[in-house]
Amino acid sequence: MSDSLERLYHAVIAAKDLDPATSRTARLFQRGPAKMAKKLAEEAIEVVIDAV
């Protein structure tokens, strides 16, 4: 895994157990895989739009 992806992975795992009231990442984990997939798709679309 590249260094950037590894840092991102560890940041996400660390945020997983934070308070969902203050952490968007923790809130996504709390809401479940369907919500996480939807958010990932939204972000991917934004990346594609920005790349054009």
Protein backbone atom coordinates (compact mmCIF):
# COMPACT_ATOMS: atom_id res chain seq x y z
CA MET A 1 0.00 0.00 0.00
CA SER A 2 1.33 3.46 -0.81
CA ASP A 3 2.31 5.70 2.06
CA SER A 4 -0.58 8.10 1.38
CA LEU A 5 -3.16 5.31 1.35
CA GLU A 6 -1.69 3.79 4.47
CA ARG A 7 -1.90 7.12 6.32
CA LEU A 8 -5.49 7.55 5.13
CA TYR A 9 -6.38 4.03 6.24
CA HIS A 10 -4.97 4.59 9.73
CA ALA A 11 -6.73 7.96 10.03
CA VAL A 12 -10.08 6.38 9.10
CA ILE A 13 -9.61 3.50 11.54
CA ALA A 14 -8.65 5.94 14.32
CA ALA A 15 -11.73 8.09 13.63
CA LYS A 16 -14.04 5.07 13.63
CA ASP A 17 -14.28 5.05 17.43
CA LEU A 18 -14.68 8.80 17.92
CA ASP A 19 -17.92 10.50 18.93
CA PRO A 20 -20.33 10.46 15.96
CA ALA A 21 -21.60 13.88 17.08
CA THR A 22 -18.21 15.40 16.27
CA SER A 23 -16.71 13.03 13.68
CA ARG A 24 -18.16 12.61 10.20
CA THR A 25 -16.20 9.39 9.75
CA ALA A 26 -17.55 7.91 12.98
CA ARG A 27 -21.06 8.94 11.91
CA LEU A 28 -20.65 7.13 8.59
CA PHE A 29 -19.48 3.98 10.37
CA GLN A 30 -22.47 4.26 12.70
CA ARG A 31 -24.90 4.58 9.78
CA GLY A 32 -23.59 1.45 8.10
CA PRO A 33 -22.19 0.18 4.82
CA ALA A 34 -25.00 1.49 2.58
CA LYS A 35 -24.47 5.07 3.76
CA MET A 36 -20.69 4.70 3.43
CA ALA A 37 -21.07 3.39 -0.14
CA LYS A 38 -23.35 6.29 -1.04
CA LYS A 39 -20.86 8.80 0.36
CA LEU A 40 -17.98 7.13 -1.49
CA ALA A 41 -19.94 7.32 -4.75
CA GLU A 42 -20.70 11.01 -4.17
CA GLU A 43 -17.03 11.77 -3.54
CA ALA A 44 -15.96 9.76 -6.60
CA ILE A 45 -18.34 11.75 -8.79
CA GLU A 46 -16.87 15.00 -7.46
CA VAL A 47 -13.35 13.79 -8.30
CA VAL A 48 -14.42 12.92 -11.84
CA ILE A 49 -16.12 16.30 -12.33
CA ASP A 50 -13.04 18.13 -11.03
CA ALA A 51 -10.81 16.13 -13.36
CA VAL A 52 -12.75 17.18 -16.45
